[in-house]
Amino acid sequence: MKIKSSSNAYRNPANGRDARGERHRSGETGATAPSSSTVSLSSMSSLATMSNVGDIDTAKVEVIKAALRNGTYQIDSAKIADGMIGSVRELLQAKVG
Protein backbone atom coordinates (compact mmCIF):
# COMPACT_ATOMS: atom_id res chain seq x y z
CA MET A 1 0.00 0.00 0.00
CA LYS A 2 1.40 3.39 -0.95
CA ILE A 3 0.63 6.46 1.10
CA LYS A 4 0.46 9.66 -0.86
CA SER A 5 2.17 12.61 0.74
CA SER A 6 0.47 15.98 0.65
CA SER A 7 1.49 19.24 2.25
CA ASN A 8 -2.18 19.68 3.19
CA ALA A 9 -1.64 17.11 5.94
CA TYR A 10 0.93 19.42 7.52
CA ARG A 11 -1.08 22.61 7.24
CA ASN A 12 -2.56 24.27 10.29
CA PRO A 13 -6.06 25.39 9.30
CA ALA A 14 -6.08 28.03 12.03
CA ASN A 15 -3.30 30.12 10.52
CA GLY A 16 -2.79 28.65 7.03
CA ARG A 17 0.85 27.79 7.76
CA ASP A 18 2.51 24.43 7.26
CA ALA A 19 4.80 22.59 9.67
CA ARG A 20 7.74 24.73 8.52
CA GLY A 21 5.80 27.92 9.24
CA GLU A 22 5.35 28.79 5.56
CA ARG A 23 2.06 30.37 4.55
CA HIS A 24 0.01 28.67 1.81
CA ARG A 25 -3.12 29.65 -0.04
CA SER A 26 -6.09 27.32 0.00
CA GLY A 27 -5.70 24.51 -2.54
CA GLU A 28 -1.97 25.08 -2.99
CA THR A 29 0.19 22.01 -2.52
CA GLY A 30 3.90 21.78 -1.95
CA ALA A 31 6.23 19.79 -4.17
CA THR A 32 7.68 17.78 -1.30
CA ALA A 33 6.84 16.95 2.25
CA PRO A 34 9.11 18.25 5.00
CA SER A 35 12.14 16.01 5.53
CA SER A 36 11.89 16.23 9.31
CA SER A 37 9.17 16.86 11.84
CA THR A 38 9.06 18.27 15.31
CA VAL A 39 6.61 17.09 17.93
CA SER A 40 5.87 19.01 21.09
CA LEU A 41 3.54 17.68 23.75
CA SER A 42 1.20 19.89 25.70
CA SER A 43 1.13 20.01 29.47
CA MET A 44 -2.09 18.00 29.34
CA SER A 45 -0.25 15.00 27.87
CA SER A 46 2.16 14.91 30.79
CA LEU A 47 -0.80 14.98 33.17
CA ALA A 48 -2.30 11.98 31.40
CA THR A 49 0.98 10.10 31.74
CA MET A 50 1.34 10.98 35.40
CA SER A 51 -2.22 9.92 36.24
CA ASN A 52 -1.15 6.26 35.90
CA VAL A 53 1.74 6.64 38.34
CA GLY A 54 -0.46 5.85 41.34
CA ASP A 55 -1.51 2.51 39.81
CA ILE A 56 1.94 0.98 40.42
CA ASP A 57 2.81 -0.33 43.86
CA THR A 58 6.46 0.74 43.88
CA ALA A 59 7.14 -0.97 47.22
CA LYS A 60 5.97 -4.29 45.79
CA VAL A 61 8.07 -3.73 42.66
CA GLU A 62 11.16 -3.15 44.80
CA VAL A 63 10.48 -6.33 46.81
CA ILE A 64 10.21 -8.34 43.58
CA LYS A 65 13.39 -6.76 42.18
CA ALA A 66 15.29 -7.61 45.36
CA ALA A 67 14.01 -11.21 45.30
CA LEU A 68 15.08 -11.55 41.65
CA ARG A 69 18.55 -10.18 42.45
CA ASN A 70 18.92 -12.53 45.42
CA GLY A 71 17.56 -15.54 43.57
CA THR A 72 14.77 -16.01 46.11
CA TYR A 73 11.80 -15.12 43.90
CA GLN A 74 9.34 -18.03 43.87
CA ILE A 75 7.17 -18.58 40.81
CA ASP A 76 3.79 -20.23 41.44
CA SER A 77 3.27 -22.13 38.19
CA ALA A 78 -0.20 -23.32 39.26
CA LYS A 79 -1.34 -19.72 39.75
CA ILE A 80 0.05 -18.76 36.32
CA ALA A 81 -1.69 -21.74 34.69
CA ASP A 82 -4.99 -20.88 36.39
CA GLY A 83 -4.71 -17.31 35.13
CA MET A 84 -3.99 -18.45 31.58
CA ILE A 85 -6.93 -20.86 31.62
CA GLY A 86 -9.20 -18.11 32.95
CA SER A 87 -8.07 -15.77 30.17
CA VAL A 88 -8.77 -18.40 27.52
CA ARG A 89 -12.23 -19.04 28.99
CA GLU A 90 -13.03 -15.32 28.86
CA LEU A 91 -11.86 -15.11 25.24
CA LEU A 92 -13.93 -18.13 24.24
CA GLN A 93 -17.02 -16.82 26.00
CA ALA A 94 -16.62 -13.43 24.31
CA LYS A 95 -16.27 -15.13 20.94
CA VAL A 96 -19.40 -17.27 21.44
CA GLY A 97 -21.53 -14.55 23.02
C-alpha atoms as a PDB file:
ATOM      1  CA  MET A   1       0.000   0.000   0.000  1.00  0.00           C
ATOM      2  CA  LYS A   2       1.395   3.392  -0.948  1.00  0.00           C
ATOM      3  CA  ILE A   3       0.631   6.456   1.104  1.00  0.00           C
ATOM      4  CA  LYS A   4       0.459   9.664  -0.859  1.00  0.00           C
ATOM      5  CA  SER A   5       2.166  12.607   0.739  1.00  0.00           C
ATOM      6  CA  SER A   6       0.469  15.979   0.649  1.00  0.00           C
ATOM      7  CA  SER A   7       1.485  19.235   2.254  1.00  0.00           C
ATOM      8  CA  ASN A   8      -2.184  19.677   3.191  1.00  0.00           C
ATOM      9  CA  ALA A   9      -1.637  17.106   5.940  1.00  0.00           C
ATOM     10  CA  TYR A  10       0.928  19.415   7.517  1.00  0.00           C
ATOM     11  CA  ARG A  11      -1.078  22.607   7.239  1.00  0.00           C
ATOM     12  CA  ASN A  12      -2.563  24.267  10.289  1.00  0.00           C
ATOM     13  CA  PRO A  13      -6.058  25.388   9.296  1.00  0.00           C
ATOM     14  CA  ALA A  14      -6.085  28.029  12.034  1.00  0.00           C
ATOM     15  CA  ASN A  15      -3.302  30.117  10.523  1.00  0.00           C
ATOM     16  CA  GLY A  16      -2.788  28.645   7.031  1.00  0.00           C
ATOM     17  CA  ARG A  17       0.850  27.786   7.763  1.00  0.00           C
ATOM     18  CA  ASP A  18       2.511  24.427   7.259  1.00  0.00           C
ATOM     19  CA  ALA A  19       4.803  22.586   9.672  1.00  0.00           C
ATOM     20  CA  ARG A  20       7.739  24.730   8.522  1.00  0.00           C
ATOM     21  CA  GLY A  21       5.797  27.917   9.235  1.00  0.00           C
ATOM     22  CA  GLU A  22       5.346  28.786   5.558  1.00  0.00           C
ATOM     23  CA  ARG A  23       2.056  30.369   4.545  1.00  0.00           C
ATOM     24  CA  HIS A  24       0.008  28.668   1.811  1.00  0.00           C
ATOM     25  CA  ARG A  25      -3.119  29.652  -0.036  1.00  0.00           C
ATOM     26  CA  SER A  26      -6.090  27.322  -0.002  1.00  0.00           C
ATOM     27  CA  GLY A  27      -5.701  24.515  -2.542  1.00  0.00           C
ATOM     28  CA  GLU A  28      -1.971  25.084  -2.987  1.00  0.00           C
ATOM     29  CA  THR A  29       0.186  22.006  -2.521  1.00  0.00           C
ATOM     30  CA  GLY A  30       3.902  21.784  -1.949  1.00  0.00           C
ATOM     31  CA  ALA A  31       6.228  19.793  -4.172  1.00  0.00           C
ATOM     32  CA  THR A  32       7.680  17.778  -1.304  1.00  0.00           C
ATOM     33  CA  ALA A  33       6.843  16.952   2.249  1.00  0.00           C
ATOM     34  CA  PRO A  34       9.113  18.249   4.999  1.00  0.00           C
ATOM     35  CA  SER A  35      12.144  16.011   5.534  1.00  0.00           C
ATOM     36  CA  SER A  36      11.891  16.227   9.314  1.00  0.00           C
ATOM     37  CA  SER A  37       9.173  16.864  11.840  1.00  0.00           C
ATOM     38  CA  THR A  38       9.060  18.268  15.313  1.00  0.00           C
ATOM     39  CA  VAL A  39       6.613  17.095  17.933  1.00  0.00           C
ATOM     40  CA  SER A  40       5.868  19.008  21.090  1.00  0.00           C
ATOM     41  CA  LEU A  41       3.536  17.682  23.747  1.00  0.00           C
ATOM     42  CA  SER A  42       1.197  19.886  25.699  1.00  0.00           C
ATOM     43  CA  SER A  43       1.128  20.011  29.468  1.00  0.00           C
ATOM     44  CA  MET A  44      -2.093  17.996  29.344  1.00  0.00           C
ATOM     45  CA  SER A  45      -0.246  15.004  27.868  1.00  0.00           C
ATOM     46  CA  SER A  46       2.160  14.915  30.794  1.00  0.00           C
ATOM     47  CA  LEU A  47      -0.802  14.982  33.174  1.00  0.00           C
ATOM     48  CA  ALA A  48      -2.304  11.981  31.402  1.00  0.00           C
ATOM     49  CA  THR A  49       0.978  10.097  31.739  1.00  0.00           C
ATOM     50  CA  MET A  50       1.342  10.984  35.398  1.00  0.00           C
ATOM     51  CA  SER A  51      -2.217   9.920  36.238  1.00  0.00           C
ATOM     52  CA  ASN A  52      -1.151   6.265  35.899  1.00  0.00           C
ATOM     53  CA  VAL A  53       1.743   6.642  38.339  1.00  0.00           C
ATOM     54  CA  GLY A  54      -0.464   5.847  41.342  1.00  0.00           C
ATOM     55  CA  ASP A  55      -1.506   2.514  39.813  1.00  0.00           C
ATOM     56  CA  ILE A  56       1.939   0.980  40.415  1.00  0.00           C
ATOM     57  CA  ASP A  57       2.811  -0.333  43.863  1.00  0.00           C
ATOM     58  CA  THR A  58       6.457   0.744  43.884  1.00  0.00           C
ATOM     59  CA  ALA A  59       7.140  -0.968  47.223  1.00  0.00           C
ATOM     60  CA  LYS A  60       5.975  -4.295  45.788  1.00  0.00           C
ATOM     61  CA  VAL A  61       8.073  -3.734  42.657  1.00  0.00           C
ATOM     62  CA  GLU A  62      11.163  -3.149  44.805  1.00  0.00           C
ATOM     63  CA  VAL A  63      10.480  -6.330  46.807  1.00  0.00           C
ATOM     64  CA  ILE A  64      10.208  -8.341  43.580  1.00  0.00           C
ATOM     65  CA  LYS A  65      13.392  -6.756  42.179  1.00  0.00           C
ATOM     66  CA  ALA A  66      15.293  -7.610  45.363  1.00  0.00           C
ATOM     67  CA  ALA A  67      14.012 -11.208  45.296  1.00  0.00           C
ATOM     68  CA  LEU A  68      15.080 -11.552  41.654  1.00  0.00           C
ATOM     69  CA  ARG A  69      18.550 -10.181  42.449  1.00  0.00           C
ATOM     70  CA  ASN A  70      18.921 -12.527  45.423  1.00  0.00           C
ATOM     71  CA  GLY A  71      17.558 -15.544  43.567  1.00  0.00           C
ATOM     72  CA  THR A  72      14.773 -16.011  46.108  1.00  0.00           C
ATOM     73  CA  TYR A  73      11.797 -15.118  43.898  1.00  0.00           C
ATOM     74  CA  GLN A  74       9.342 -18.028  43.870  1.00  0.00           C
ATOM     75  CA  ILE A  75       7.170 -18.578  40.810  1.00  0.00           C
ATOM     76  CA  ASP A  76       3.789 -20.227  41.438  1.00  0.00           C
ATOM     77  CA  SER A  77       3.268 -22.127  38.186  1.00  0.00           C
ATOM     78  CA  ALA A  78      -0.205 -23.319  39.258  1.00  0.00           C
ATOM     79  CA  LYS A  79      -1.339 -19.717  39.747  1.00  0.00           C
ATOM     80  CA  ILE A  80       0.053 -18.761  36.316  1.00  0.00           C
ATOM     81  CA  ALA A  81      -1.687 -21.739  34.688  1.00  0.00           C
ATOM     82  CA  ASP A  82      -4.987 -20.878  36.387  1.00  0.00           C
ATOM     83  CA  GLY A  83      -4.710 -17.306  35.130  1.00  0.00           C
ATOM     84  CA  MET A  84      -3.992 -18.453  31.580  1.00  0.00           C
ATOM     85  CA  ILE A  85      -6.935 -20.863  31.622  1.00  0.00           C
ATOM     86  CA  GLY A  86      -9.198 -18.114  32.953  1.00  0.00           C
ATOM     87  CA  SER A  87      -8.074 -15.770  30.169  1.00  0.00           C
ATOM     88  CA  VAL A  88      -8.771 -18.403  27.521  1.00  0.00           C
ATOM     89  CA  ARG A  89     -12.228 -19.043  28.985  1.00  0.00           C
ATOM     90  CA  GLU A  90     -13.031 -15.319  28.857  1.00  0.00           C
ATOM     91  CA  LEU A  91     -11.865 -15.106  25.243  1.00  0.00           C
ATOM     92  CA  LEU A  92     -13.934 -18.129  24.241  1.00  0.00           C
ATOM     93  CA  GLN A  93     -17.025 -16.818  26.001  1.00  0.00           C
ATOM     94  CA  ALA A  94     -16.617 -13.425  24.314  1.00  0.00           C
ATOM     95  CA  LYS A  95     -16.269 -15.128  20.941  1.00  0.00           C
ATOM     96  CA  VAL A  96     -19.401 -17.266  21.443  1.00  0.00           C
ATOM     97  CA  GLY A  97     -21.532 -14.552  23.015  1.00  0.00           C
END
